[in-house]
Amino acid sequence: MARIRKEEALNYLRKNLKGLEPGEALDFLCKKRNRIVRISKEKEGFFIKEKGFFEKEFFAKNKEEVLKLAEMAFEREFPRSYMLWVHRRKS
């Protein structure tokens, strides 16, 4: 698990999307770890799931869509957070 600043989250995601294989996911969590944005790689695209203030799920076909959806999800789920936990896992 790594700890990153919220401002660096999109850059971290952009760098690590290339290395994700189908079935792997990146979890972004707040400090208390009670809110999460999970971005998992599927064969045909990416699955984005919010769990915390909101319970929403999205599907994106390319990296540009993932980054746009992730930016909106980070703002909704982590409005006052400064630091985030990032965890790479099998989904």
PDB file of N, CA and C in Angstrom:
ATOM      1  N   MET A   1       0.840  -1.169   0.000  1.00  0.00           N
ATOM      2  CA  MET A   1       0.000   0.000   0.000  1.00  0.00           C
ATOM      3  C   MET A   1       0.889   1.237   0.000  1.00  0.00           C
ATOM      4  N   ALA A   2       0.533   2.177  -0.830  1.00  0.00           N
ATOM      5  CA  ALA A   2       1.292   3.420  -0.921  1.00  0.00           C
ATOM      6  C   ALA A   2       0.418   4.575  -0.476  1.00  0.00           C
ATOM      7  N   ARG A   3       1.046   5.631  -0.045  1.00  0.00           N
ATOM      8  CA  ARG A   3       0.336   6.828   0.368  1.00  0.00           C
ATOM      9  C   ARG A   3       0.716   7.941  -0.593  1.00  0.00           C
ATOM     10  N   ILE A   4      -0.278   8.585  -1.211  1.00  0.00           N
ATOM     11  CA  ILE A   4      -0.005   9.651  -2.164  1.00  0.00           C
ATOM     12  C   ILE A   4      -0.894  10.855  -1.863  1.00  0.00           C
ATOM     13  N   ARG A   5      -0.484  12.019  -2.364  1.00  0.00           N
ATOM     14  CA  ARG A   5      -1.322  13.208  -2.249  1.00  0.00           C
ATOM     15  C   ARG A   5      -2.463  13.115  -3.255  1.00  0.00           C
ATOM     16  N   LYS A   6      -3.594  13.695  -2.916  1.00  0.00           N
ATOM     17  CA  LYS A   6      -4.761  13.626  -3.795  1.00  0.00           C
ATOM     18  C   LYS A   6      -4.466  14.277  -5.150  1.00  0.00           C
ATOM     19  N   GLU A   7      -3.648  15.329  -5.160  1.00  0.00           N
ATOM     20  CA  GLU A   7      -3.312  16.001  -6.416  1.00  0.00           C
ATOM     21  C   GLU A   7      -2.522  15.092  -7.359  1.00  0.00           C
ATOM     22  N   GLU A   8      -1.817  14.115  -6.805  1.00  0.00           N
ATOM     23  CA  GLU A   8      -1.007  13.198  -7.602  1.00  0.00           C
ATOM     24  C   GLU A   8      -1.772  11.955  -8.036  1.00  0.00           C
ATOM     25  N   ALA A   9      -3.006  11.812  -7.612  1.00  0.00           N
ATOM     26  CA  ALA A   9      -3.752  10.577  -7.857  1.00  0.00           C
ATOM     27  C   ALA A   9      -3.963  10.311  -9.349  1.00  0.00           C
ATOM     28  N   LEU A  10      -4.305  11.336 -10.116  1.00  0.00           N
ATOM     29  CA  LEU A  10      -4.525  11.121 -11.556  1.00  0.00           C
ATOM     30  C   LEU A  10      -3.228  10.765 -12.274  1.00  0.00           C
ATOM     31  N   ASN A  11      -2.128  11.411 -11.896  1.00  0.00           N
ATOM     32  CA  ASN A  11      -0.840  11.059 -12.510  1.00  0.00           C
ATOM     33  C   ASN A  11      -0.433   9.641 -12.145  1.00  0.00           C
ATOM     34  N   TYR A  12      -0.655   9.258 -10.890  1.00  0.00           N
ATOM     35  CA  TYR A  12      -0.360   7.896 -10.456  1.00  0.00           C
ATOM     36  C   TYR A  12      -1.207   6.899 -11.249  1.00  0.00           C
ATOM     37  N   LEU A  13      -2.474   7.222 -11.420  1.00  0.00           N
ATOM     38  CA  LEU A  13      -3.374   6.350 -12.177  1.00  0.00           C
ATOM     39  C   LEU A  13      -2.930   6.249 -13.637  1.00  0.00           C
ATOM     40  N   ARG A  14      -2.575   7.371 -14.241  1.00  0.00           N
ATOM     41  CA  ARG A  14      -2.133   7.394 -15.637  1.00  0.00           C
ATOM     42  C   ARG A  14      -0.900   6.497 -15.838  1.00  0.00           C
ATOM     43  N   LYS A  15       0.040   6.559 -14.901  1.00  0.00           N
ATOM     44  CA  LYS A  15       1.260   5.747 -15.004  1.00  0.00           C
ATOM     45  C   LYS A  15       0.977   4.256 -14.819  1.00  0.00           C
ATOM     46  N   ASN A  16       0.059   3.933 -13.908  1.00  0.00           N
ATOM     47  CA  ASN A  16      -0.154   2.533 -13.549  1.00  0.00           C
ATOM     48  C   ASN A  16      -1.241   1.835 -14.347  1.00  0.00           C
ATOM     49  N   LEU A  17      -2.008   2.559 -15.143  1.00  0.00           N
ATOM     50  CA  LEU A  17      -3.019   1.904 -15.984  1.00  0.00           C
ATOM     51  C   LEU A  17      -2.366   1.003 -17.028  1.00  0.00           C
ATOM     52  N   LYS A  18      -1.199   1.409 -17.516  1.00  0.00           N
ATOM     53  CA  LYS A  18      -0.510   0.620 -18.548  1.00  0.00           C
ATOM     54  C   LYS A  18      -0.141  -0.768 -18.039  1.00  0.00           C
ATOM     55  N   GLY A  19       0.248  -0.839 -16.778  1.00  0.00           N
ATOM     56  CA  GLY A  19       0.716  -2.102 -16.226  1.00  0.00           C
ATOM     57  C   GLY A  19      -0.372  -3.022 -15.709  1.00  0.00           C
ATOM     58  N   LEU A  20      -1.607  -2.557 -15.690  1.00  0.00           N
ATOM     59  CA  LEU A  20      -2.694  -3.404 -15.188  1.00  0.00           C
ATOM     60  C   LEU A  20      -3.039  -4.492 -16.201  1.00  0.00           C
ATOM     61  N   GLU A  21      -3.188  -5.688 -15.715  1.00  0.00           N
ATOM     62  CA  GLU A  21      -3.622  -6.805 -16.546  1.00  0.00           C
ATOM     63  C   GLU A  21      -5.083  -7.100 -16.223  1.00  0.00           C
ATOM     64  N   PRO A  22      -5.813  -7.739 -17.130  1.00  0.00           N
ATOM     65  CA  PRO A  22      -7.207  -8.078 -16.825  1.00  0.00           C
ATOM     66  C   PRO A  22      -7.307  -8.873 -15.524  1.00  0.00           C
ATOM     67  N   GLY A  23      -8.206  -8.424 -14.666  1.00  0.00           N
ATOM     68  CA  GLY A  23      -8.363  -9.062 -13.368  1.00  0.00           C
ATOM     69  C   GLY A  23      -7.653  -8.333 -12.246  1.00  0.00           C
ATOM     70  N   GLU A  24      -6.868  -7.299 -12.545  1.00  0.00           N
ATOM     71  CA  GLU A  24      -6.194  -6.517 -11.522  1.00  0.00           C
ATOM     72  C   GLU A  24      -6.926  -5.200 -11.315  1.00  0.00           C
ATOM     73  N   ALA A  25      -6.726  -4.615 -10.132  1.00  0.00           N
ATOM     74  CA  ALA A  25      -7.419  -3.372  -9.806  1.00  0.00           C
ATOM     75  C   ALA A  25      -6.520  -2.464  -8.985  1.00  0.00           C
ATOM     76  N   LEU A  26      -6.794  -1.167  -9.065  1.00  0.00           N
ATOM     77  CA  LEU A  26      -6.183  -0.161  -8.200  1.00  0.00           C
ATOM     78  C   LEU A  26      -7.275   0.369  -7.284  1.00  0.00           C
ATOM     79  N   ASP A  27      -7.028   0.331  -5.984  1.00  0.00           N
ATOM     80  CA  ASP A  27      -7.966   0.852  -4.999  1.00  0.00           C
ATOM     81  C   ASP A  27      -7.413   2.157  -4.442  1.00  0.00           C
ATOM     82  N   PHE A  28      -8.210   3.200  -4.487  1.00  0.00           N
ATOM     83  CA  PHE A  28      -7.868   4.487  -3.884  1.00  0.00           C
ATOM     84  C   PHE A  28      -8.774   4.646  -2.672  1.00  0.00           C
ATOM     85  N   LEU A  29      -8.174   4.815  -1.487  1.00  0.00           N
ATOM     86  CA  LEU A  29      -8.933   4.896  -0.243  1.00  0.00           C
ATOM     87  C   LEU A  29      -8.580   6.166   0.511  1.00  0.00           C
ATOM     88  N   CYS A  30      -9.554   6.664   1.299  1.00  0.00           N
ATOM     89  CA  CYS A  30      -9.295   7.828   2.136  1.00  0.00           C
ATOM     90  C   CYS A  30      -8.486   7.395   3.359  1.00  0.00           C
ATOM     91  N   LYS A  31      -8.142   8.354   4.211  1.00  0.00           N
ATOM     92  CA  LYS A  31      -7.298   8.075   5.376  1.00  0.00           C
ATOM     93  C   LYS A  31      -7.898   7.008   6.292  1.00  0.00           C
ATOM     94  N   LYS A  32      -9.204   7.100   6.567  1.00  0.00           N
ATOM     95  CA  LYS A  32      -9.856   6.125   7.457  1.00  0.00           C
ATOM     96  C   LYS A  32     -10.205   4.829   6.737  1.00  0.00           C
ATOM     97  N   ARG A  33     -10.006   4.799   5.436  1.00  0.00           N
ATOM     98  CA  ARG A  33     -10.252   3.624   4.592  1.00  0.00           C
ATOM     99  C   ARG A  33     -11.723   3.192   4.587  1.00  0.00           C
ATOM    100  N   ASN A  34     -12.625   4.147   4.781  1.00  0.00           N
ATOM    101  CA  ASN A  34     -14.049   3.807   4.731  1.00  0.00           C
ATOM    102  C   ASN A  34     -14.705   4.238   3.420  1.00  0.00           C
ATOM    103  N   ARG A  35     -13.965   4.940   2.565  1.00  0.00           N
ATOM    104  CA  ARG A  35     -14.451   5.313   1.236  1.00  0.00           C
ATOM    105  C   ARG A  35     -13.426   4.846   0.214  1.00  0.00           C
ATOM    106  N   ILE A  36     -13.921   4.320  -0.909  1.00  0.00           N
ATOM    107  CA  ILE A  36     -13.020   3.702  -1.884  1.00  0.00           C
ATOM    108  C   ILE A  36     -13.477   4.015  -3.305  1.00  0.00           C
ATOM    109  N   VAL A  37     -12.494   4.192  -4.176  1.00  0.00           N
ATOM    110  CA  VAL A  37     -12.721   4.223  -5.622  1.00  0.00           C
ATOM    111  C   VAL A  37     -11.845   3.106  -6.183  1.00  0.00           C
ATOM    112  N   ARG A  38     -12.487   2.103  -6.784  1.00  0.00           N
ATOM    113  CA  ARG A  38     -11.776   0.940  -7.327  1.00  0.00           C
ATOM    114  C   ARG A  38     -11.831   0.997  -8.850  1.00  0.00           C
ATOM    115  N   ILE A  39     -10.664   0.895  -9.475  1.00  0.00           N
ATOM    116  CA  ILE A  39     -10.573   0.886 -10.935  1.00  0.00           C
ATOM    117  C   ILE A  39      -9.967  -0.449 -11.324  1.00  0.00           C
ATOM    118  N   SER A  40     -10.777  -1.293 -11.952  1.00  0.00           N
ATOM    119  CA  SER A  40     -10.310  -2.627 -12.314  1.00  0.00           C
ATOM    120  C   SER A  40     -10.292  -2.783 -13.827  1.00  0.00           C
ATOM    121  N   LYS A  41      -9.313  -3.532 -14.284  1.00  0.00           N
ATOM    122  CA  LYS A  41      -9.141  -3.774 -15.717  1.00  0.00           C
ATOM    123  C   LYS A  41      -9.911  -5.023 -16.095  1.00  0.00           C
ATOM    124  N   GLU A  42     -10.716  -4.911 -17.129  1.00  0.00           N
ATOM    125  CA  GLU A  42     -11.439  -6.046 -17.705  1.00  0.00           C
ATOM    126  C   GLU A  42     -10.886  -6.280 -19.104  1.00  0.00           C
ATOM    127  N   LYS A  43     -11.297  -7.353 -19.748  1.00  0.00           N
ATOM    128  CA  LYS A  43     -10.795  -7.644 -21.090  1.00  0.00           C
ATOM    129  C   LYS A  43     -11.173  -6.569 -22.088  1.00  0.00           C
ATOM    130  N   GLU A  44     -12.387  -6.027 -21.980  1.00  0.00           N
ATOM    131  CA  GLU A  44     -12.870  -5.065 -22.976  1.00  0.00           C
ATOM    132  C   GLU A  44     -12.801  -3.617 -22.510  1.00  0.00           C
ATOM    133  N   GLY A  45     -12.327  -3.343 -21.318  1.00  0.00           N
ATOM    134  CA  GLY A  45     -12.229  -1.969 -20.836  1.00  0.00           C
ATOM    135  C   GLY A  45     -11.917  -1.912 -19.354  1.00  0.00           C
ATOM    136  N   PHE A  46     -12.435  -0.876 -18.702  1.00  0.00           N
ATOM    137  CA  PHE A  46     -12.173  -0.643 -17.288  1.00  0.00           C
ATOM    138  C   PHE A  46     -13.489  -0.473 -16.545  1.00  0.00           C
ATOM    139  N   PHE A  47     -13.527  -0.981 -15.328  1.00  0.00           N
ATOM    140  CA  PHE A  47     -14.702  -0.900 -14.484  1.00  0.00           C
ATOM    141  C   PHE A  47     -14.355  -0.004 -13.298  1.00  0.00           C
ATOM    142  N   ILE A  48     -15.137   1.044 -13.051  1.00  0.00           N
ATOM    143  CA  ILE A  48     -14.879   1.991 -11.974  1.00  0.00           C
ATOM    144  C   ILE A  48     -16.032   1.901 -10.977  1.00  0.00           C
ATOM    145  N   LYS A  49     -15.692   1.712  -9.709  1.00  0.00           N
ATOM    146  CA  LYS A  49     -16.717   1.557  -8.681  1.00  0.00           C
ATOM    147  C   LYS A  49     -16.418   2.504  -7.529  1.00  0.00           C
ATOM    148  N   GLU A  50     -17.421   3.263  -7.123  1.00  0.00           N
ATOM    149  CA  GLU A  50     -17.337   4.140  -5.961  1.00  0.00           C
ATOM    150  C   GLU A  50     -18.091   3.486  -4.812  1.00  0.00           C
ATOM    151  N   LYS A  51     -17.510   3.547  -3.647  1.00  0.00           N
ATOM    152  CA  LYS A  51     -18.187   3.024  -2.467  1.00  0.00           C
ATOM    153  C   LYS A  51     -17.833   3.929  -1.292  1.00  0.00           C
ATOM    154  N   GLY A  52     -18.814   4.629  -0.786  1.00  0.00           N
ATOM    155  CA  GLY A  52     -18.586   5.570   0.306  1.00  0.00           C
ATOM    156  C   GLY A  52     -19.770   6.486   0.411  1.00  0.00           C
ATOM    157  N   PHE A  53     -19.569   7.776   0.096  1.00  0.00           N
ATOM    158  CA  PHE A  53     -20.685   8.715   0.070  1.00  0.00           C
ATOM    159  C   PHE A  53     -21.711   8.282  -0.969  1.00  0.00           C
ATOM    160  N   PHE A  54     -21.225   7.794  -2.104  1.00  0.00           N
ATOM    161  CA  PHE A  54     -22.076   7.383  -3.202  1.00  0.00           C
ATOM    162  C   PHE A  54     -21.757   5.941  -3.574  1.00  0.00           C
ATOM    163  N   GLU A  55     -22.745   5.233  -4.076  1.00  0.00           N
ATOM    164  CA  GLU A  55     -22.570   3.866  -4.566  1.00  0.00           C
ATOM    165  C   GLU A  55     -22.821   3.903  -6.068  1.00  0.00           C
ATOM    166  N   LYS A  56     -21.776   4.099  -6.850  1.00  0.00           N
ATOM    167  CA  LYS A  56     -21.933   4.203  -8.301  1.00  0.00           C
ATOM    168  C   LYS A  56     -20.940   3.293  -8.996  1.00  0.00           C
ATOM    169  N   GLU A  57     -21.331   2.843 -10.178  1.00  0.00           N
ATOM    170  CA  GLU A  57     -20.463   2.004 -11.004  1.00  0.00           C
ATOM    171  C   GLU A  57     -20.470   2.546 -12.422  1.00  0.00           C
ATOM    172  N   PHE A  58     -19.294   2.541 -13.047  1.00  0.00           N
ATOM    173  CA  PHE A  58     -19.146   3.023 -14.415  1.00  0.00           C
ATOM    174  C   PHE A  58     -18.310   2.037 -15.203  1.00  0.00           C
ATOM    175  N   PHE A  59     -18.463   2.077 -16.514  1.00  0.00           N
ATOM    176  CA  PHE A  59     -17.619   1.277 -17.399  1.00  0.00           C
ATOM    177  C   PHE A  59     -17.011   2.211 -18.439  1.00  0.00           C
ATOM    178  N   ALA A  60     -15.703   2.092 -18.654  1.00  0.00           N
ATOM    179  CA  ALA A  60     -15.002   2.933 -19.621  1.00  0.00           C
ATOM    180  C   ALA A  60     -14.253   2.031 -20.600  1.00  0.00           C
ATOM    181  N   LYS A  61     -14.285   2.417 -21.857  1.00  0.00           N
ATOM    182  CA  LYS A  61     -13.638   1.605 -22.888  1.00  0.00           C
ATOM    183  C   LYS A  61     -12.183   1.967 -23.120  1.00  0.00           C
ATOM    184  N   ASN A  62     -11.793   3.214 -22.790  1.00  0.00           N
ATOM    185  CA  ASN A  62     -10.388   3.609 -23.022  1.00  0.00           C
ATOM    186  C   ASN A  62      -9.859   4.408 -21.832  1.00  0.00           C
ATOM    187  N   LYS A  63      -8.572   4.709 -21.867  1.00  0.00           N
ATOM    188  CA  LYS A  63      -7.906   5.357 -20.744  1.00  0.00           C
ATOM    189  C   LYS A  63      -8.381   6.788 -20.527  1.00  0.00           C
ATOM    190  N   GLU A  64      -8.720   7.484 -21.607  1.00  0.00           N
ATOM    191  CA  GLU A  64      -9.187   8.864 -21.474  1.00  0.00           C
ATOM    192  C   GLU A  64     -10.490   8.921 -20.680  1.00  0.00           C
ATOM    193  N   GLU A  65     -11.401   7.997 -20.965  1.00  0.00           N
ATOM    194  CA  GLU A  65     -12.658   7.933 -20.224  1.00  0.00           C
ATOM    195  C   GLU A  65     -12.400   7.600 -18.757  1.00  0.00           C
ATOM    196  N   VAL A  66     -11.469   6.693 -18.516  1.00  0.00           N
ATOM    197  CA  VAL A  66     -11.137   6.303 -17.139  1.00  0.00           C
ATOM    198  C   VAL A  66     -10.656   7.516 -16.362  1.00  0.00           C
ATOM    199  N   LEU A  67      -9.766   8.302 -16.956  1.00  0.00           N
ATOM    200  CA  LEU A  67      -9.224   9.460 -16.254  1.00  0.00           C
ATOM    201  C   LEU A  67     -10.307  10.498 -15.957  1.00  0.00           C
ATOM    202  N   LYS A  68     -11.221  10.720 -16.890  1.00  0.00           N
ATOM    203  CA  LYS A  68     -12.309  11.673 -16.650  1.00  0.00           C
ATOM    204  C   LYS A  68     -13.230  11.188 -15.533  1.00  0.00           C
ATOM    205  N   LEU A  69     -13.616   9.921 -15.601  1.00  0.00           N
ATOM    206  CA  LEU A  69     -14.497   9.363 -14.575  1.00  0.00           C
ATOM    207  C   LEU A  69     -13.812   9.305 -13.213  1.00  0.00           C
ATOM    208  N   ALA A  70     -12.531   8.962 -13.205  1.00  0.00           N
ATOM    209  CA  ALA A  70     -11.785   8.889 -11.948  1.00  0.00           C
ATOM    210  C   ALA A  70     -11.668  10.269 -11.310  1.00  0.00           C
ATOM    211  N   GLU A  71     -11.428  11.288 -12.109  1.00  0.00           N
ATOM    212  CA  GLU A  71     -11.328  12.651 -11.566  1.00  0.00           C
ATOM    213  C   GLU A  71     -12.638  13.058 -10.885  1.00  0.00           C
ATOM    214  N   MET A  72     -13.766  12.773 -11.528  1.00  0.00           N
ATOM    215  CA  MET A  72     -15.065  13.091 -10.924  1.00  0.00           C
ATOM    216  C   MET A  72     -15.302  12.262  -9.657  1.00  0.00           C
ATOM    217  N   ALA A  73     -14.925  10.990  -9.698  1.00  0.00           N
ATOM    218  CA  ALA A  73     -15.115  10.115  -8.540  1.00  0.00           C
ATOM    219  C   ALA A  73     -14.256  10.564  -7.361  1.00  0.00           C
ATOM    220  N   PHE A  74     -13.007  10.980  -7.621  1.00  0.00           N
ATOM    221  CA  PHE A  74     -12.139  11.453  -6.538  1.00  0.00           C
ATOM    222  C   PHE A  74     -12.734  12.695  -5.880  1.00  0.00           C
ATOM    223  N   GLU A  75     -13.281  13.599  -6.672  1.00  0.00           N
ATOM    224  CA  GLU A  75     -13.877  14.815  -6.112  1.00  0.00           C
ATOM    225  C   GLU A  75     -15.123  14.492  -5.284  1.00  0.00           C
ATOM    226  N   ARG A  76     -15.922  13.520  -5.712  1.00  0.00           N
ATOM    227  CA  ARG A  76     -17.126  13.156  -4.966  1.00  0.00           C
ATOM    228  C   ARG A  76     -16.801  12.407  -3.684  1.00  0.00           C
ATOM    229  N   GLU A  77     -15.911  11.444  -3.766  1.00  0.00           N
ATOM    230  CA  GLU A  77     -15.630  10.576  -2.619  1.00  0.00           C
ATOM    231  C   GLU A  77     -14.621  11.158  -1.637  1.00  0.00           C
ATOM    232  N   PHE A  78     -13.710  11.994  -2.110  1.00  0.00           N
ATOM    233  CA  PHE A  78     -12.648  12.522  -1.248  1.00  0.00           C
ATOM    234  C   PHE A  78     -12.638  14.054  -1.260  1.00  0.00           C
ATOM    235  N   PRO A  79     -13.752  14.714  -0.896  1.00  0.00           N
ATOM    236  CA  PRO A  79     -13.806  16.172  -1.023  1.00  0.00           C
ATOM    237  C   PRO A  79     -12.856  16.912  -0.078  1.00  0.00           C
ATOM    238  N   ARG A  80     -12.599  16.366   1.090  1.00  0.00           N
ATOM    239  CA  ARG A  80     -11.751  17.041   2.066  1.00  0.00           C
ATOM    240  C   ARG A  80     -10.449  16.305   2.329  1.00  0.00           C
ATOM    241  N   SER A  81     -10.201  15.242   1.625  1.00  0.00           N
ATOM    242  CA  SER A  81      -8.995  14.443   1.862  1.00  0.00           C
ATOM    243  C   SER A  81      -7.781  15.096   1.217  1.00  0.00           C
ATOM    244  N   TYR A  82      -6.671  14.984   1.900  1.00  0.00           N
ATOM    245  CA  TYR A  82      -5.413  15.495   1.375  1.00  0.00           C
ATOM    246  C   TYR A  82      -4.534  14.341   0.891  1.00  0.00           C
ATOM    247  N   MET A  83      -4.544  13.266   1.660  1.00  0.00           N
ATOM    248  CA  MET A  83      -3.739  12.092   1.323  1.00  0.00           C
ATOM    249  C   MET A  83      -4.667  10.909   1.062  1.00  0.00           C
ATOM    250  N   LEU A  84      -4.230  10.025   0.129  1.00  0.00           N
ATOM    251  CA  LEU A  84      -4.981   8.820  -0.206  1.00  0.00           C
ATOM    252  C   LEU A  84      -4.083   7.601  -0.097  1.00  0.00           C
ATOM    253  N   TRP A  85      -4.674   6.482   0.252  1.00  0.00           N
ATOM    254  CA  TRP A  85      -3.996   5.202   0.190  1.00  0.00           C
ATOM    255  C   TRP A  85      -4.263   4.599  -1.185  1.00  0.00           C
ATOM    256  N   VAL A  86      -3.249   3.964  -1.771  1.00  0.00           N
ATOM    257  CA  VAL A  86      -3.411   3.271  -3.045  1.00  0.00           C
ATOM    258  C   VAL A  86      -2.945   1.840  -2.861  1.00  0.00           C
ATOM    259  N   HIS A  87      -3.772   0.919  -3.328  1.00  0.00           N
ATOM    260  CA  HIS A  87      -3.467  -0.503  -3.189  1.00  0.00           C
ATOM    261  C   HIS A  87      -3.734  -1.199  -4.502  1.00  0.00           C
ATOM    262  N   ARG A  88      -2.777  -1.976  -4.982  1.00  0.00           N
ATOM    263  CA  ARG A  88      -2.955  -2.758  -6.206  1.00  0.00           C
ATOM    264  C   ARG A  88      -3.312  -4.180  -5.798  1.00  0.00           C
ATOM    265  N   ARG A  89      -4.364  -4.710  -6.406  1.00  0.00           N
ATOM    266  CA  ARG A  89      -4.851  -6.030  -5.988  1.00  0.00           C
ATOM    267  C   ARG A  89      -5.461  -6.777  -7.160  1.00  0.00           C
ATOM    268  N   LYS A  90      -5.680  -8.054  -6.934  1.00  0.00           N
ATOM    269  CA  LYS A  90      -6.436  -8.873  -7.883  1.00  0.00           C
ATOM    270  C   LYS A  90      -7.908  -8.640  -7.602  1.00  0.00           C
ATOM    271  N   SER A  91      -8.695  -8.425  -8.662  1.00  0.00           N
ATOM    272  CA  SER A  91     -10.115  -8.152  -8.436  1.00  0.00           C
ATOM    273  C   SER A  91     -10.961  -9.402  -8.539  1.00  0.00           C
TER     274      SER A  91
END
